[in-house]
N, C-alpha and C. Protein backbone atom coordinates (compact mmCIF):
# COMPACT_ATOMS: atom_id res chain seq x y z
N MET A 1 -89.29 49.45 -71.60
CA MET A 1 -89.11 49.34 -70.17
C MET A 1 -90.10 50.28 -69.48
N TYR A 2 -90.66 49.80 -68.40
CA TYR A 2 -91.67 50.56 -67.68
C TYR A 2 -90.99 51.44 -66.63
N LYS A 3 -91.35 52.70 -66.58
CA LYS A 3 -90.82 53.63 -65.59
C LYS A 3 -91.94 54.07 -64.67
N ASP A 4 -91.68 54.03 -63.40
CA ASP A 4 -92.65 54.49 -62.42
C ASP A 4 -92.22 55.89 -61.98
N ASP A 5 -93.04 56.87 -62.25
CA ASP A 5 -92.69 58.26 -61.94
C ASP A 5 -92.60 58.51 -60.44
N ARG A 6 -93.28 57.71 -59.66
CA ARG A 6 -93.23 57.91 -58.21
C ARG A 6 -91.85 57.59 -57.64
N LEU A 7 -91.12 56.67 -58.29
CA LEU A 7 -89.80 56.27 -57.79
C LEU A 7 -88.66 57.03 -58.46
N ALA A 8 -88.95 57.80 -59.48
CA ALA A 8 -87.89 58.51 -60.19
C ALA A 8 -87.18 59.50 -59.27
N GLY A 9 -87.92 60.18 -58.40
CA GLY A 9 -87.30 61.13 -57.47
C GLY A 9 -86.36 60.43 -56.49
N LEU A 10 -86.72 59.23 -56.09
CA LEU A 10 -85.87 58.47 -55.17
C LEU A 10 -84.53 58.14 -55.82
N PHE A 11 -84.56 57.70 -57.07
CA PHE A 11 -83.31 57.37 -57.75
C PHE A 11 -82.47 58.60 -58.03
N ARG A 12 -83.12 59.72 -58.31
CA ARG A 12 -82.37 60.97 -58.54
C ARG A 12 -81.68 61.43 -57.26
N THR A 13 -82.31 61.19 -56.12
CA THR A 13 -81.72 61.60 -54.84
C THR A 13 -80.43 60.82 -54.58
N PHE A 14 -80.45 59.54 -54.83
CA PHE A 14 -79.25 58.72 -54.60
C PHE A 14 -78.18 58.99 -55.65
N ALA A 15 -78.57 59.23 -56.86
CA ALA A 15 -77.60 59.43 -57.93
C ALA A 15 -76.89 60.77 -57.80
N GLY A 16 -77.50 61.76 -57.20
CA GLY A 16 -76.91 63.08 -57.14
C GLY A 16 -75.84 63.24 -56.08
N ARG A 17 -75.78 62.34 -55.13
CA ARG A 17 -74.81 62.49 -54.04
C ARG A 17 -73.43 62.03 -54.47
N THR A 18 -72.44 62.70 -53.95
CA THR A 18 -71.07 62.28 -54.16
C THR A 18 -70.52 61.80 -52.82
N ALA A 19 -69.53 60.94 -52.87
CA ALA A 19 -68.97 60.39 -51.64
C ALA A 19 -68.19 61.47 -50.90
N GLN A 20 -68.37 61.51 -49.61
CA GLN A 20 -67.66 62.46 -48.77
C GLN A 20 -66.78 61.69 -47.79
N ALA A 21 -65.68 62.29 -47.42
CA ALA A 21 -64.80 61.68 -46.43
C ALA A 21 -65.49 61.72 -45.07
N PRO A 22 -65.35 60.65 -44.28
CA PRO A 22 -66.00 60.65 -42.98
C PRO A 22 -65.34 61.68 -42.04
N SER A 23 -66.17 62.26 -41.20
CA SER A 23 -65.66 63.24 -40.26
C SER A 23 -64.94 62.53 -39.11
N LEU A 24 -64.31 63.31 -38.25
CA LEU A 24 -63.59 62.74 -37.11
C LEU A 24 -64.56 62.03 -36.17
N LEU A 25 -65.73 62.59 -35.95
CA LEU A 25 -66.73 61.96 -35.09
C LEU A 25 -67.18 60.62 -35.67
N GLN A 26 -67.39 60.56 -36.97
CA GLN A 26 -67.79 59.30 -37.61
C GLN A 26 -66.70 58.24 -37.48
N LYS A 27 -65.46 58.65 -37.59
CA LYS A 27 -64.35 57.71 -37.44
C LYS A 27 -64.26 57.18 -36.02
N ILE A 28 -64.48 58.06 -35.05
CA ILE A 28 -64.43 57.63 -33.64
C ILE A 28 -65.58 56.66 -33.34
N VAL A 29 -66.77 56.99 -33.81
CA VAL A 29 -67.93 56.12 -33.58
C VAL A 29 -67.71 54.77 -34.27
N ALA A 30 -67.16 54.79 -35.48
CA ALA A 30 -66.89 53.53 -36.20
C ALA A 30 -65.84 52.71 -35.46
N GLY A 31 -64.82 53.36 -34.92
CA GLY A 31 -63.78 52.64 -34.18
C GLY A 31 -64.33 52.01 -32.90
N ILE A 32 -65.13 52.77 -32.17
CA ILE A 32 -65.75 52.24 -30.95
C ILE A 32 -66.69 51.08 -31.29
N GLY A 33 -67.44 51.23 -32.36
CA GLY A 33 -68.33 50.14 -32.79
C GLY A 33 -67.56 48.89 -33.18
N ALA A 34 -66.42 49.08 -33.85
CA ALA A 34 -65.60 47.93 -34.24
C ALA A 34 -65.03 47.22 -33.01
N VAL A 35 -64.60 48.00 -32.02
CA VAL A 35 -64.06 47.40 -30.79
C VAL A 35 -65.16 46.64 -30.05
N ILE A 36 -66.35 47.22 -29.96
CA ILE A 36 -67.46 46.54 -29.29
C ILE A 36 -67.84 45.27 -30.04
N LEU A 37 -67.90 45.34 -31.36
CA LEU A 37 -68.24 44.16 -32.16
C LEU A 37 -67.19 43.07 -32.00
N PHE A 38 -65.92 43.46 -31.98
CA PHE A 38 -64.84 42.49 -31.78
C PHE A 38 -64.95 41.84 -30.40
N GLY A 39 -65.25 42.64 -29.38
CA GLY A 39 -65.40 42.11 -28.03
C GLY A 39 -66.56 41.13 -27.94
N LEU A 40 -67.67 41.44 -28.58
CA LEU A 40 -68.82 40.53 -28.57
C LEU A 40 -68.49 39.23 -29.30
N ALA A 41 -67.81 39.34 -30.42
CA ALA A 41 -67.42 38.13 -31.16
C ALA A 41 -66.46 37.27 -30.35
N LEU A 42 -65.54 37.91 -29.63
CA LEU A 42 -64.60 37.18 -28.79
C LEU A 42 -65.33 36.48 -27.65
N MET A 43 -66.26 37.17 -27.01
CA MET A 43 -67.02 36.55 -25.92
C MET A 43 -67.86 35.38 -26.44
N PHE A 44 -68.48 35.55 -27.59
CA PHE A 44 -69.28 34.47 -28.17
C PHE A 44 -68.41 33.26 -28.48
N SER A 45 -67.22 33.49 -29.03
CA SER A 45 -66.35 32.36 -29.37
C SER A 45 -65.85 31.65 -28.12
N VAL A 46 -65.57 32.38 -27.05
CA VAL A 46 -65.13 31.75 -25.81
C VAL A 46 -66.26 30.91 -25.21
N VAL A 47 -67.46 31.43 -25.21
CA VAL A 47 -68.60 30.67 -24.70
C VAL A 47 -68.86 29.44 -25.56
N LEU A 48 -68.79 29.59 -26.87
CA LEU A 48 -68.98 28.45 -27.76
C LEU A 48 -67.90 27.39 -27.53
N PHE A 49 -66.65 27.81 -27.36
CA PHE A 49 -65.57 26.87 -27.09
C PHE A 49 -65.81 26.14 -25.77
N ALA A 50 -66.24 26.85 -24.75
CA ALA A 50 -66.51 26.22 -23.46
C ALA A 50 -67.65 25.20 -23.57
N VAL A 51 -68.68 25.53 -24.33
CA VAL A 51 -69.80 24.60 -24.51
C VAL A 51 -69.34 23.35 -25.25
N VAL A 52 -68.54 23.52 -26.29
CA VAL A 52 -68.05 22.37 -27.07
C VAL A 52 -67.15 21.49 -26.22
N VAL A 53 -66.25 22.09 -25.45
CA VAL A 53 -65.36 21.30 -24.59
C VAL A 53 -66.16 20.57 -23.51
N THR A 54 -67.13 21.23 -22.93
CA THR A 54 -67.96 20.59 -21.90
C THR A 54 -68.76 19.43 -22.50
N ALA A 55 -69.35 19.64 -23.66
CA ALA A 55 -70.11 18.57 -24.31
C ALA A 55 -69.19 17.40 -24.66
N GLY A 56 -68.00 17.68 -25.14
CA GLY A 56 -67.05 16.62 -25.44
C GLY A 56 -66.65 15.84 -24.20
N ALA A 57 -66.44 16.52 -23.09
CA ALA A 57 -66.08 15.85 -21.84
C ALA A 57 -67.23 14.98 -21.34
N VAL A 58 -68.45 15.47 -21.49
CA VAL A 58 -69.61 14.69 -21.06
C VAL A 58 -69.76 13.43 -21.92
N VAL A 59 -69.59 13.55 -23.22
CA VAL A 59 -69.70 12.39 -24.12
C VAL A 59 -68.59 11.39 -23.80
N TRP A 60 -67.36 11.87 -23.61
CA TRP A 60 -66.25 10.98 -23.28
C TRP A 60 -66.52 10.26 -21.96
N ALA A 61 -66.98 10.97 -20.94
CA ALA A 61 -67.26 10.35 -19.64
C ALA A 61 -68.38 9.32 -19.76
N TYR A 62 -69.40 9.61 -20.55
CA TYR A 62 -70.50 8.67 -20.75
C TYR A 62 -69.99 7.38 -21.41
N LEU A 63 -69.19 7.53 -22.48
CA LEU A 63 -68.66 6.35 -23.16
C LEU A 63 -67.72 5.57 -22.26
N TRP A 64 -66.90 6.26 -21.49
CA TRP A 64 -65.98 5.58 -20.57
C TRP A 64 -66.77 4.83 -19.51
N TRP A 65 -67.81 5.44 -18.98
CA TRP A 65 -68.61 4.82 -17.93
C TRP A 65 -69.38 3.61 -18.45
N THR A 66 -69.95 3.72 -19.65
CA THR A 66 -70.76 2.62 -20.17
C THR A 66 -69.89 1.47 -20.67
N SER A 67 -68.64 1.71 -20.98
CA SER A 67 -67.78 0.64 -21.48
C SER A 67 -66.96 -0.02 -20.37
N ARG A 68 -67.13 0.35 -19.13
CA ARG A 68 -66.31 -0.20 -18.05
C ARG A 68 -66.55 -1.69 -17.87
N LYS A 69 -67.79 -2.15 -18.05
CA LYS A 69 -68.08 -3.58 -17.92
C LYS A 69 -67.40 -4.36 -19.04
N LEU A 70 -67.43 -3.84 -20.24
CA LEU A 70 -66.78 -4.49 -21.37
C LEU A 70 -65.26 -4.53 -21.17
N ARG A 71 -64.68 -3.45 -20.67
CA ARG A 71 -63.23 -3.43 -20.42
C ARG A 71 -62.85 -4.44 -19.35
N ARG A 72 -63.68 -4.59 -18.31
CA ARG A 72 -63.42 -5.58 -17.25
C ARG A 72 -63.48 -6.99 -17.82
N GLN A 73 -64.47 -7.26 -18.67
CA GLN A 73 -64.59 -8.58 -19.28
C GLN A 73 -63.40 -8.89 -20.18
N MET A 74 -62.95 -7.90 -20.94
CA MET A 74 -61.80 -8.13 -21.82
C MET A 74 -60.52 -8.33 -21.01
N ARG A 75 -60.41 -7.67 -19.87
CA ARG A 75 -59.23 -7.84 -19.03
C ARG A 75 -59.23 -9.22 -18.38
N ASP A 76 -60.40 -9.68 -17.93
CA ASP A 76 -60.48 -10.98 -17.27
C ASP A 76 -60.44 -12.15 -18.25
N ASN A 77 -60.99 -11.98 -19.44
CA ASN A 77 -61.03 -13.04 -20.45
C ASN A 77 -60.48 -12.50 -21.77
N PRO A 78 -59.17 -12.54 -21.94
CA PRO A 78 -58.61 -11.98 -23.18
C PRO A 78 -59.01 -12.81 -24.39
N PRO A 79 -59.15 -12.18 -25.54
CA PRO A 79 -59.53 -12.94 -26.74
C PRO A 79 -58.41 -13.88 -27.14
N GLY A 80 -58.77 -15.11 -27.52
CA GLY A 80 -57.76 -16.07 -27.96
C GLY A 80 -57.17 -16.88 -26.82
N GLY A 81 -57.70 -16.78 -25.65
CA GLY A 81 -57.21 -17.60 -24.55
C GLY A 81 -56.16 -16.91 -23.72
N LEU A 82 -55.15 -17.68 -23.30
CA LEU A 82 -54.13 -17.21 -22.38
C LEU A 82 -53.15 -16.28 -23.09
N VAL A 83 -52.90 -15.13 -22.49
CA VAL A 83 -51.94 -14.18 -23.03
C VAL A 83 -50.85 -13.99 -21.99
N ILE A 84 -49.63 -14.30 -22.38
CA ILE A 84 -48.49 -14.10 -21.50
C ILE A 84 -47.63 -13.02 -22.13
N GLU A 85 -47.48 -11.94 -21.39
CA GLU A 85 -46.65 -10.87 -21.91
C GLU A 85 -45.25 -11.03 -21.35
N GLY A 86 -44.28 -10.76 -22.15
CA GLY A 86 -42.91 -10.85 -21.67
C GLY A 86 -41.96 -11.16 -22.81
N GLU A 87 -40.79 -11.59 -22.42
CA GLU A 87 -39.72 -11.84 -23.37
C GLU A 87 -39.60 -13.34 -23.58
N VAL A 88 -39.31 -13.75 -24.80
CA VAL A 88 -39.15 -15.16 -25.11
C VAL A 88 -37.70 -15.42 -25.47
N ILE A 89 -37.12 -16.40 -24.79
CA ILE A 89 -35.75 -16.81 -25.12
C ILE A 89 -35.85 -18.23 -25.64
N ARG A 90 -35.27 -18.48 -26.76
CA ARG A 90 -35.39 -19.78 -27.41
C ARG A 90 -34.01 -20.28 -27.76
N GLU A 91 -33.80 -21.55 -27.52
CA GLU A 91 -32.54 -22.17 -27.93
C GLU A 91 -32.75 -22.84 -29.27
N VAL A 92 -31.83 -22.61 -30.16
CA VAL A 92 -31.90 -23.21 -31.48
C VAL A 92 -30.81 -24.26 -31.56
N ARG A 93 -31.19 -25.48 -31.84
CA ARG A 93 -30.20 -26.59 -31.94
C ARG A 93 -29.81 -26.76 -33.39
N THR A 94 -28.56 -26.95 -33.56
CA THR A 94 -28.02 -27.21 -34.90
C THR A 94 -28.13 -28.71 -35.19
N ARG A 95 -27.73 -29.13 -36.36
CA ARG A 95 -27.87 -30.53 -36.75
C ARG A 95 -27.00 -31.47 -35.92
N ASP A 96 -25.86 -31.01 -35.49
CA ASP A 96 -24.99 -31.92 -34.72
C ASP A 96 -25.40 -31.98 -33.26
N GLY A 97 -26.48 -31.32 -32.85
CA GLY A 97 -26.99 -31.47 -31.50
C GLY A 97 -26.51 -30.42 -30.52
N ASP A 98 -25.64 -29.54 -30.95
CA ASP A 98 -25.14 -28.50 -30.05
C ASP A 98 -26.09 -27.31 -30.04
N ALA A 99 -26.23 -26.75 -28.87
CA ALA A 99 -27.04 -25.52 -28.77
C ALA A 99 -26.21 -24.38 -29.35
N GLY A 100 -26.84 -23.53 -30.10
CA GLY A 100 -26.02 -22.50 -30.74
C GLY A 100 -26.59 -21.20 -30.82
């Protein structure tokens, strides 16, 4: 394995350190940073949601507007001819001719 002597000091510097507990100032700065980061993420998500809802409304309005002629044609000329909506009452005659 090839060793570069110029980088050996760099690795010794990192290897010699031990982990230290963060100070009170570091904890406060980290907390403020977390709150700011959370606020930015929340603002970004609200803006993204507004953009998606607006784009969806625009697409829906476009499709509704462009299909109005087709909807009018379907209303005036239903497929299959005459359509009568309502209730059907039918008399059924038995073999002896009486309605039953």
